[in-house]
C-alpha atoms as a PDB file:
ATOM      1  CA  MET A   1       0.000   0.000   0.000  1.00  0.00           C
ATOM      2  CA  ASN A   2       1.226   3.506  -0.805  1.00  0.00           C
ATOM      3  CA  VAL A   3       1.555   6.271   1.784  1.00  0.00           C
ATOM      4  CA  PHE A   4      -0.590   9.317   0.990  1.00  0.00           C
ATOM      5  CA  SER A   5      -0.063  12.603   2.789  1.00  0.00           C
ATOM      6  CA  ILE A   6      -0.510  16.339   2.468  1.00  0.00           C
ATOM      7  CA  ASP A   7       2.561  18.273   3.612  1.00  0.00           C
ATOM      8  CA  MET A   8       3.199  22.007   3.815  1.00  0.00           C
ATOM      9  CA  GLN A   9       5.977  22.818   1.342  1.00  0.00           C
ATOM     10  CA  THR A  10       6.942  25.328  -1.290  1.00  0.00           C
ATOM     11  CA  SER A  11       6.939  24.382  -4.953  1.00  0.00           C
ATOM     12  CA  LYS A  12       8.649  25.487  -8.149  1.00  0.00           C
ATOM     13  CA  TYR A  13       6.382  28.500  -8.736  1.00  0.00           C
ATOM     14  CA  VAL A  14       4.897  29.105  -5.277  1.00  0.00           C
ATOM     15  CA  ASN A  15       7.440  30.349  -2.752  1.00  0.00           C
ATOM     16  CA  VAL A  16       5.103  30.318   0.253  1.00  0.00           C
ATOM     17  CA  GLY A  17       4.278  27.148   2.135  1.00  0.00           C
ATOM     18  CA  HIS A  18       1.157  25.453   0.808  1.00  0.00           C
ATOM     19  CA  PRO A  19      -0.363  21.965   0.887  1.00  0.00           C
ATOM     20  CA  VAL A  20       1.453  19.509  -1.380  1.00  0.00           C
ATOM     21  CA  ILE A  21       0.270  15.980  -2.183  1.00  0.00           C
ATOM     22  CA  THR A  22       3.012  13.461  -1.463  1.00  0.00           C
ATOM     23  CA  ILE A  23       3.001   9.800  -2.393  1.00  0.00           C
ATOM     24  CA  ASP A  24       5.472   7.658  -0.480  1.00  0.00           C
ATOM     25  CA  GLY A  25       7.170  10.893   0.629  1.00  0.00           C
ATOM     26  CA  ILE A  26       7.609  12.330  -2.891  1.00  0.00           C
ATOM     27  CA  PRO A  27       5.703  15.470  -3.970  1.00  0.00           C
ATOM     28  CA  PHE A  28       3.306  14.291  -6.657  1.00  0.00           C
ATOM     29  CA  ASP A  29       4.298  16.970  -9.181  1.00  0.00           C
ATOM     30  CA  LEU A  30       7.931  15.830  -8.822  1.00  0.00           C
ATOM     31  CA  TYR A  31       6.829  12.191  -9.145  1.00  0.00           C
ATOM     32  CA  LEU A  32       5.131  12.988 -12.466  1.00  0.00           C
ATOM     33  CA  HIS A  33       8.088  15.104 -13.603  1.00  0.00           C
ATOM     34  CA  ASN A  34      10.462  12.198 -12.977  1.00  0.00           C
ATOM     35  CA  LEU A  35       8.346   9.983 -15.250  1.00  0.00           C
ATOM     36  CA  TYR A  36       7.593  12.663 -17.860  1.00  0.00           C
ATOM     37  CA  PRO A  37      10.416  15.262 -17.677  1.00  0.00           C
ATOM     38  CA  ASP A  38       9.348  17.051 -20.887  1.00  0.00           C
ATOM     39  CA  ASN A  39       5.697  17.568 -19.918  1.00  0.00           C
ATOM     40  CA  LEU A  40       5.946  20.539 -17.524  1.00  0.00           C
ATOM     41  CA  TYR A  41       4.275  18.843 -14.543  1.00  0.00           C
ATOM     42  CA  LEU A  42       6.843  20.142 -12.056  1.00  0.00           C
ATOM     43  CA  GLY A  43       5.275  23.018 -10.133  1.00  0.00           C
ATOM     44  CA  LEU A  44       1.641  21.953 -10.475  1.00  0.00           C
ATOM     45  CA  ILE A  45      -0.207  22.377  -7.186  1.00  0.00           C
ATOM     46  CA  PRO A  46      -3.115  20.515  -5.578  1.00  0.00           C
ATOM     47  CA  THR A  47      -6.637  21.625  -6.415  1.00  0.00           C
ATOM     48  CA  ILE A  48      -6.868  23.525  -3.135  1.00  0.00           C
ATOM     49  CA  ILE A  49     -10.491  24.633  -2.713  1.00  0.00           C
ATOM     50  CA  ASP A  50      -9.493  27.932  -1.065  1.00  0.00           C
ATOM     51  CA  TRP A  51      -7.205  28.792  -4.011  1.00  0.00           C
ATOM     52  CA  ILE A  52      -9.567  28.025  -6.898  1.00  0.00           C
ATOM     53  CA  GLY A  53     -10.713  31.360  -8.301  1.00  0.00           C
ATOM     54  CA  LEU A  54     -14.270  30.565  -9.370  1.00  0.00           C
ATOM     55  CA  LYS A  55     -16.770  29.366  -6.800  1.00  0.00           C
ATOM     56  CA  GLU A  56     -18.441  27.060  -9.364  1.00  0.00           C
ATOM     57  CA  GLU A  57     -15.128  25.301  -9.988  1.00  0.00           C
ATOM     58  CA  ALA A  58     -14.397  24.943  -6.277  1.00  0.00           C
ATOM     59  CA  GLU A  59     -17.883  23.523  -5.673  1.00  0.00           C
ATOM     60  CA  PHE A  60     -17.407  21.053  -8.530  1.00  0.00           C
ATOM     61  CA  VAL A  61     -14.079  19.756  -7.140  1.00  0.00           C
ATOM     62  CA  LEU A  62     -15.612  19.407  -3.680  1.00  0.00           C
ATOM     63  CA  ARG A  63     -18.594  17.479  -5.121  1.00  0.00           C
ATOM     64  CA  ARG A  64     -16.247  15.062  -6.845  1.00  0.00           C
ATOM     65  CA  PHE A  65     -14.258  14.565  -3.624  1.00  0.00           C
ATOM     66  CA  ILE A  66     -17.322  13.791  -1.474  1.00  0.00           C
ATOM     67  CA  SER A  67     -19.113  11.808  -4.201  1.00  0.00           C
ATOM     68  CA  GLU A  68     -20.610   8.491  -3.145  1.00  0.00           C
ATOM     69  CA  GLU A  69     -19.959   7.047  -6.603  1.00  0.00           C
ATOM     70  CA  GLU A  70     -17.741   3.972  -6.578  1.00  0.00           C
ATOM     71  CA  ILE A  71     -15.539   5.403  -9.345  1.00  0.00           C
ATOM     72  CA  VAL A  72     -14.970   9.131  -9.832  1.00  0.00           C
ATOM     73  CA  ILE A  73     -12.584  11.273 -11.883  1.00  0.00           C
ATOM     74  CA  LEU A  74     -11.082  13.654  -9.319  1.00  0.00           C
ATOM     75  CA  PRO A  75      -9.067  16.759 -10.247  1.00  0.00           C
ATOM     76  CA  ILE A  76      -5.889  16.568  -8.141  1.00  0.00           C
ATOM     77  CA  LEU A  77      -3.294  18.978  -9.576  1.00  0.00           C
ATOM     78  CA  MET A  78      -3.684  22.317 -11.356  1.00  0.00           C
ATOM     79  CA  CYS A  79      -1.578  25.109 -12.789  1.00  0.00           C
ATOM     80  CA  PRO A  80      -0.573  27.624 -10.068  1.00  0.00           C
ATOM     81  CA  ASP A  81      -0.799  30.593 -12.471  1.00  0.00           C
ATOM     82  CA  ASP A  82      -4.557  30.519 -12.911  1.00  0.00           C
ATOM     83  CA  CYS A  83      -5.717  28.155 -10.142  1.00  0.00           C
ATOM     84  CA  ASP A  84      -8.577  26.923 -12.267  1.00  0.00           C
ATOM     85  CA  LEU A  85      -9.744  23.850 -14.143  1.00  0.00           C
ATOM     86  CA  THR A  86      -9.112  25.159 -17.660  1.00  0.00           C
ATOM     87  CA  CYS A  87      -5.304  25.158 -17.650  1.00  0.00           C
ATOM     88  CA  THR A  88      -3.217  22.004 -17.096  1.00  0.00           C
ATOM     89  CA  LEU A  89      -5.374  19.708 -14.961  1.00  0.00           C
ATOM     90  CA  ILE A  90      -4.198  16.345 -13.641  1.00  0.00           C
ATOM     91  CA  VAL A  91      -6.989  13.948 -12.697  1.00  0.00           C
ATOM     92  CA  ALA A  92      -7.131  10.606 -10.929  1.00  0.00           C
ATOM     93  CA  GLU A  93      -9.566   7.805 -11.665  1.00  0.00           C
ATOM     94  CA  VAL A  94     -10.489   7.019  -8.072  1.00  0.00           C
ATOM     95  CA  LEU A  95     -12.022   3.723  -6.949  1.00  0.00           C
ATOM     96  CA  LYS A  96     -13.366   3.788  -3.401  1.00  0.00           C
ATOM     97  CA  SER A  97     -14.030   0.879  -1.069  1.00  0.00           C
ATOM     98  CA  ASP A  98     -14.596   0.607   2.672  1.00  0.00           C
ATOM     99  CA  ASP A  99     -10.946   0.233   3.633  1.00  0.00           C
ATOM    100  CA  GLN A 100      -8.936   1.625   0.729  1.00  0.00           C
ATOM    101  CA  VAL A 101      -8.878   4.158  -2.070  1.00  0.00           C
ATOM    102  CA  ILE A 102      -7.252   3.236  -5.364  1.00  0.00           C
ATOM    103  CA  TRP A 103      -5.959   5.671  -7.932  1.00  0.00           C
ATOM    104  CA  ARG A 104      -6.422   3.329 -10.886  1.00  0.00           C
ATOM    105  CA  ARG A 105      -5.104   5.778 -13.463  1.00  0.00           C
ATOM    106  CA  ILE A 106      -3.653   9.285 -13.578  1.00  0.00           C
ATOM    107  CA  GLY A 107      -4.061  11.526 -16.582  1.00  0.00           C
ATOM    108  CA  VAL A 108      -4.249  14.987 -18.079  1.00  0.00           C
ATOM    109  CA  ASP A 109      -7.786  16.216 -18.623  1.00  0.00           C
ATOM    110  CA  SER A 110      -8.401  17.372 -22.184  1.00  0.00           C
ATOM    111  CA  SER A 111     -12.186  17.664 -22.019  1.00  0.00           C
ATOM    112  CA  ASN A 112     -13.920  20.419 -23.977  1.00  0.00           C
ATOM    113  CA  LEU A 113     -15.959  22.151 -21.270  1.00  0.00           C
ATOM    114  CA  GLY A 114     -17.901  24.310 -23.736  1.00  0.00           C
ATOM    115  CA  ILE A 115     -19.062  27.893 -23.199  1.00  0.00           C
ATOM    116  CA  PRO A 116     -20.333  28.527 -20.624  1.00  0.00           C
ATOM    117  CA  TYR A 117     -18.145  25.947 -18.911  1.00  0.00           C
ATOM    118  CA  ASN A 118     -19.801  22.652 -17.999  1.00  0.00           C
ATOM    119  CA  TYR A 119     -17.494  21.326 -15.284  1.00  0.00           C
ATOM    120  CA  GLU A 120     -19.333  18.004 -15.177  1.00  0.00           C
ATOM    121  CA  LEU A 121     -17.493  17.218 -18.422  1.00  0.00           C
ATOM    122  CA  VAL A 122     -14.127  17.148 -16.600  1.00  0.00           C
ATOM    123  CA  GLY A 123     -12.781  13.636 -17.000  1.00  0.00           C
ATOM    124  CA  LYS A 124     -14.724  12.790 -20.165  1.00  0.00           C
ATOM    125  CA  GLU A 125     -11.573  13.121 -22.285  1.00  0.00           C
ATOM    126  CA  VAL A 126      -8.315  12.211 -20.562  1.00  0.00           C
ATOM    127  CA  THR A 127      -4.833  11.484 -21.832  1.00  0.00           C
ATOM    128  CA  TRP A 128      -3.824   8.734 -19.416  1.00  0.00           C
ATOM    129  CA  LEU A 129      -0.241   8.694 -18.193  1.00  0.00           C
ATOM    130  CA  ASP A 130       0.626   5.042 -18.712  1.00  0.00           C
ATOM    131  CA  LEU A 131       3.922   5.201 -16.811  1.00  0.00           C
ATOM    132  CA  VAL A 132       2.094   6.004 -13.558  1.00  0.00           C
ATOM    133  CA  PRO A 133       1.188   2.761 -11.784  1.00  0.00           C
ATOM    134  CA  GLU A 134      -1.990   2.084  -9.869  1.00  0.00           C
ATOM    135  CA  MET A 135      -1.703   3.397  -6.305  1.00  0.00           C
ATOM    136  CA  LYS A 136      -3.518   2.124  -3.216  1.00  0.00           C
ATOM    137  CA  PHE A 137      -4.081   4.122  -0.043  1.00  0.00           C
ATOM    138  CA  SER A 138      -5.638   3.590   3.364  1.00  0.00           C
ATOM    139  CA  ASN A 139      -9.142   5.069   3.122  1.00  0.00           C
ATOM    140  CA  ASP A 140      -8.910   6.760   6.538  1.00  0.00           C
ATOM    141  CA  LYS A 141      -5.533   8.437   5.889  1.00  0.00           C
ATOM    142  CA  TYR A 142      -6.553   9.467   2.372  1.00  0.00           C
ATOM    143  CA  ILE A 143      -9.768  11.166   3.509  1.00  0.00           C
ATOM    144  CA  GLU A 144      -8.131  12.707   6.571  1.00  0.00           C
ATOM    145  CA  ASN A 145      -5.349  14.257   4.480  1.00  0.00           C
ATOM    146  CA  LEU A 146      -7.459  15.464   1.558  1.00  0.00           C
ATOM    147  CA  LYS A 147      -9.921  17.175   3.897  1.00  0.00           C
ATOM    148  CA  THR A 148      -7.141  19.715   4.509  1.00  0.00           C
ATOM    149  CA  ILE A 149      -7.387  20.939   0.896  1.00  0.00           C
ATOM    150  CA  TYR A 150     -10.976  19.992   0.045  1.00  0.00           C
ATOM    151  CA  LYS A 151     -12.620  22.128   2.718  1.00  0.00           C
ATOM    152  CA  PRO A 152     -16.306  23.073   2.647  1.00  0.00           C
ATOM    153  CA  ILE A 153     -16.954  26.380   0.895  1.00  0.00           C
ATOM    154  CA  GLU A 154     -18.158  29.211   3.080  1.00  0.00           C
END
């Protein structure tokens, strides 16, 4: 089983401490960069609800996180320049069970959201990153950690 945590760190483009997803102690943007060094994943930040500019986008990410669906496409990393879902967006195909959460696949969302944006289309078109293996996490630790970035909207 993999170790999932959220740690306060800086990143390539954000010089103040912020939540960073780590898998087995490695920041996830760095993990992706090591597998795909030419794809500009280094410096992507978690989809932190408080940082997402548009309320509709933040609400959408939160809905996906708390979804009761067995399988959900969850936005996990975004571009720190815009902090929205229309720039580079890394998603995870998440399978939930009682005792564990599995990231079956990781990919780059390439969905056409239309105008006005239909965020429910996020995850309909994904370029899957085949070098990223399936990852399994303790359900309790996963939820506990992600609640620090997927906070209810006030």
